[in-house]
Amino acid sequence: MNKEHRRRAQLQLSPSHLHIQSNLLQVDRISAPNGQAQNGSHPGKPKRKRTQLTDEQREKMKSYAEHAGWTIVGQRKENIAAACKDIGVTPKTLKYWIHNAKQKLKRSHDQAL
């Protein structure tokens, strides 16, 4: 069995998903063997599910963001942890939600002018 055949056996990919370039075997990043799109830098790993937030959680996060001045920086970890526990999200989720909501507000304000 030559090197190319061994590599194909190891990768378990069909020939239509392989490209040979300069004696190197490269995997096509467009689709996986099962026809599903691969996850960018982590091929074979399933795509992360989006965080589902309730309207109540969004309202609580908005209220906290307004109270905190639309930033997490400079806030005490204990206060953040308590707010996250009350809201039912992780601190990372709160941080990203505040950042995204602030950017969305900026865009809507800029369009209104």
C-alpha atoms as a PDB file:
ATOM      1  CA  MET A   1       0.000   0.000   0.000  1.00  0.00           C
ATOM      2  CA  ASN A   2       1.554   3.320  -1.005  1.00  0.00           C
ATOM      3  CA  LYS A   3       1.556   6.492   1.113  1.00  0.00           C
ATOM      4  CA  GLU A   4      -1.449   8.062  -0.627  1.00  0.00           C
ATOM      5  CA  HIS A   5      -3.621   4.981  -0.038  1.00  0.00           C
ATOM      6  CA  ARG A   6      -2.586   4.816   3.603  1.00  0.00           C
ATOM      7  CA  ARG A   7      -3.431   8.506   4.091  1.00  0.00           C
ATOM      8  CA  ARG A   8      -6.852   8.010   2.489  1.00  0.00           C
ATOM      9  CA  ALA A   9      -7.499   5.025   4.728  1.00  0.00           C
ATOM     10  CA  GLN A  10      -6.481   7.049   7.794  1.00  0.00           C
ATOM     11  CA  LEU A  11      -8.634  10.016   6.816  1.00  0.00           C
ATOM     12  CA  GLN A  12     -11.532   7.826   5.650  1.00  0.00           C
ATOM     13  CA  LEU A  13     -12.415  10.304   2.914  1.00  0.00           C
ATOM     14  CA  SER A  14     -13.598   9.597  -0.592  1.00  0.00           C
ATOM     15  CA  PRO A  15     -11.356  10.659  -3.503  1.00  0.00           C
ATOM     16  CA  SER A  16     -13.772  13.506  -4.370  1.00  0.00           C
ATOM     17  CA  HIS A  17     -12.903  15.228  -1.084  1.00  0.00           C
ATOM     18  CA  LEU A  18      -9.149  15.088  -1.569  1.00  0.00           C
ATOM     19  CA  HIS A  19      -6.769  17.234  -3.557  1.00  0.00           C
ATOM     20  CA  ILE A  20      -3.162  16.311  -4.251  1.00  0.00           C
ATOM     21  CA  GLN A  21      -0.921  19.322  -4.506  1.00  0.00           C
ATOM     22  CA  SER A  22       2.866  19.218  -4.455  1.00  0.00           C
ATOM     23  CA  ASN A  23       2.858  15.628  -3.122  1.00  0.00           C
ATOM     24  CA  LEU A  24       0.820  16.788  -0.100  1.00  0.00           C
ATOM     25  CA  LEU A  25      -2.669  15.589   0.664  1.00  0.00           C
ATOM     26  CA  GLN A  26      -5.070  18.410   1.546  1.00  0.00           C
ATOM     27  CA  VAL A  27      -8.621  18.062   2.805  1.00  0.00           C
ATOM     28  CA  ASP A  28     -11.313  20.073   1.039  1.00  0.00           C
ATOM     29  CA  ARG A  29     -12.790  22.438   3.667  1.00  0.00           C
ATOM     30  CA  ILE A  30     -16.043  22.988   1.780  1.00  0.00           C
ATOM     31  CA  SER A  31     -17.811  19.860   2.944  1.00  0.00           C
ATOM     32  CA  ALA A  32     -17.259  16.821   5.096  1.00  0.00           C
ATOM     33  CA  PRO A  33     -17.687  13.269   3.736  1.00  0.00           C
ATOM     34  CA  ASN A  34     -21.270  13.174   5.024  1.00  0.00           C
ATOM     35  CA  GLY A  35     -22.169  16.313   3.053  1.00  0.00           C
ATOM     36  CA  GLN A  36     -22.400  18.612   6.075  1.00  0.00           C
ATOM     37  CA  ALA A  37     -20.374  21.810   6.253  1.00  0.00           C
ATOM     38  CA  GLN A  38     -17.332  21.669   8.477  1.00  0.00           C
ATOM     39  CA  ASN A  39     -16.858  24.016  11.413  1.00  0.00           C
ATOM     40  CA  GLY A  40     -14.090  26.392  10.206  1.00  0.00           C
ATOM     41  CA  SER A  41     -10.984  25.898  12.322  1.00  0.00           C
ATOM     42  CA  HIS A  42     -12.359  22.786  14.069  1.00  0.00           C
ATOM     43  CA  PRO A  43     -13.217  20.280  11.342  1.00  0.00           C
ATOM     44  CA  GLY A  44     -15.285  17.355  12.536  1.00  0.00           C
ATOM     45  CA  LYS A  45     -16.399  19.155  15.690  1.00  0.00           C
ATOM     46  CA  PRO A  46     -20.113  19.972  15.799  1.00  0.00           C
ATOM     47  CA  LYS A  47     -21.149  23.610  15.500  1.00  0.00           C
ATOM     48  CA  ARG A  48     -21.874  25.340  18.818  1.00  0.00           C
ATOM     49  CA  LYS A  49     -25.553  25.898  19.528  1.00  0.00           C
ATOM     50  CA  ARG A  50     -26.659  29.514  19.908  1.00  0.00           C
ATOM     51  CA  THR A  51     -27.588  30.611  23.408  1.00  0.00           C
ATOM     52  CA  GLN A  52     -31.362  30.858  23.717  1.00  0.00           C
ATOM     53  CA  LEU A  53     -32.468  33.784  25.885  1.00  0.00           C
ATOM     54  CA  THR A  54     -35.964  34.514  27.140  1.00  0.00           C
ATOM     55  CA  ASP A  55     -37.510  37.974  26.934  1.00  0.00           C
ATOM     56  CA  GLU A  56     -37.260  38.187  30.725  1.00  0.00           C
ATOM     57  CA  GLN A  57     -33.503  37.458  30.594  1.00  0.00           C
ATOM     58  CA  ARG A  58     -33.020  40.102  27.894  1.00  0.00           C
ATOM     59  CA  GLU A  59     -34.876  42.683  29.983  1.00  0.00           C
ATOM     60  CA  LYS A  60     -32.806  41.850  33.073  1.00  0.00           C
ATOM     61  CA  MET A  61     -29.559  42.057  31.084  1.00  0.00           C
ATOM     62  CA  LYS A  62     -30.606  45.402  29.598  1.00  0.00           C
ATOM     63  CA  SER A  63     -31.431  46.714  33.055  1.00  0.00           C
ATOM     64  CA  TYR A  64     -28.050  45.541  34.404  1.00  0.00           C
ATOM     65  CA  ALA A  65     -26.225  46.994  31.385  1.00  0.00           C
ATOM     66  CA  GLU A  66     -27.857  50.392  31.862  1.00  0.00           C
ATOM     67  CA  HIS A  67     -27.028  50.310  35.583  1.00  0.00           C
ATOM     68  CA  ALA A  68     -23.410  49.303  34.830  1.00  0.00           C
ATOM     69  CA  GLY A  69     -22.938  51.939  32.125  1.00  0.00           C
ATOM     70  CA  TRP A  70     -22.988  49.412  29.264  1.00  0.00           C
ATOM     71  CA  THR A  71     -19.676  47.860  30.285  1.00  0.00           C
ATOM     72  CA  ILE A  72     -18.454  44.964  32.394  1.00  0.00           C
ATOM     73  CA  VAL A  73     -14.984  46.462  32.825  1.00  0.00           C
ATOM     74  CA  GLY A  74     -14.523  47.906  36.290  1.00  0.00           C
ATOM     75  CA  GLN A  75     -17.454  46.010  37.783  1.00  0.00           C
ATOM     76  CA  ARG A  76     -16.828  43.843  40.835  1.00  0.00           C
ATOM     77  CA  LYS A  77     -16.780  40.131  40.071  1.00  0.00           C
ATOM     78  CA  GLU A  78     -19.157  39.502  42.971  1.00  0.00           C
ATOM     79  CA  ASN A  79     -21.722  41.914  41.489  1.00  0.00           C
ATOM     80  CA  ILE A  80     -21.396  40.353  38.048  1.00  0.00           C
ATOM     81  CA  ALA A  81     -21.727  36.843  39.489  1.00  0.00           C
ATOM     82  CA  ALA A  82     -24.811  37.830  41.486  1.00  0.00           C
ATOM     83  CA  ALA A  83     -26.445  39.455  38.448  1.00  0.00           C
ATOM     84  CA  CYS A  84     -25.657  36.416  36.282  1.00  0.00           C
ATOM     85  CA  LYS A  85     -27.096  34.072  38.890  1.00  0.00           C
ATOM     86  CA  ASP A  86     -30.280  36.183  39.061  1.00  0.00           C
ATOM     87  CA  ILE A  87     -30.547  36.346  35.246  1.00  0.00           C
ATOM     88  CA  GLY A  88     -29.603  32.697  34.699  1.00  0.00           C
ATOM     89  CA  VAL A  89     -26.661  33.199  32.324  1.00  0.00           C
ATOM     90  CA  THR A  90     -22.886  32.870  32.546  1.00  0.00           C
ATOM     91  CA  PRO A  91     -20.681  35.963  32.958  1.00  0.00           C
ATOM     92  CA  LYS A  92     -19.301  35.321  29.467  1.00  0.00           C
ATOM     93  CA  THR A  93     -22.812  35.360  27.999  1.00  0.00           C
ATOM     94  CA  LEU A  94     -23.601  38.619  29.814  1.00  0.00           C
ATOM     95  CA  LYS A  95     -20.352  40.186  28.617  1.00  0.00           C
ATOM     96  CA  TYR A  96     -21.005  39.317  24.962  1.00  0.00           C
ATOM     97  CA  TRP A  97     -24.673  40.288  25.160  1.00  0.00           C
ATOM     98  CA  ILE A  98     -23.793  43.734  26.546  1.00  0.00           C
ATOM     99  CA  HIS A  99     -21.144  44.255  23.855  1.00  0.00           C
ATOM    100  CA  ASN A 100     -23.494  43.201  21.051  1.00  0.00           C
ATOM    101  CA  ALA A 101     -26.429  45.238  22.401  1.00  0.00           C
ATOM    102  CA  LYS A 102     -24.218  48.330  22.736  1.00  0.00           C
ATOM    103  CA  GLN A 103     -23.048  47.956  19.124  1.00  0.00           C
ATOM    104  CA  LYS A 104     -26.651  47.488  17.973  1.00  0.00           C
ATOM    105  CA  LEU A 105     -27.674  50.682  19.806  1.00  0.00           C
ATOM    106  CA  LYS A 106     -24.808  52.596  18.181  1.00  0.00           C
ATOM    107  CA  ARG A 107     -25.834  51.406  14.703  1.00  0.00           C
ATOM    108  CA  SER A 108     -29.494  52.313  15.220  1.00  0.00           C
ATOM    109  CA  HIS A 109     -28.494  55.731  16.604  1.00  0.00           C
ATOM    110  CA  ASP A 110     -26.172  56.380  13.627  1.00  0.00           C
ATOM    111  CA  GLN A 111     -28.909  55.434  11.144  1.00  0.00           C
ATOM    112  CA  ALA A 112     -31.400  57.754  12.843  1.00  0.00           C
ATOM    113  CA  LEU A 113     -29.132  60.780  12.228  1.00  0.00           C
END
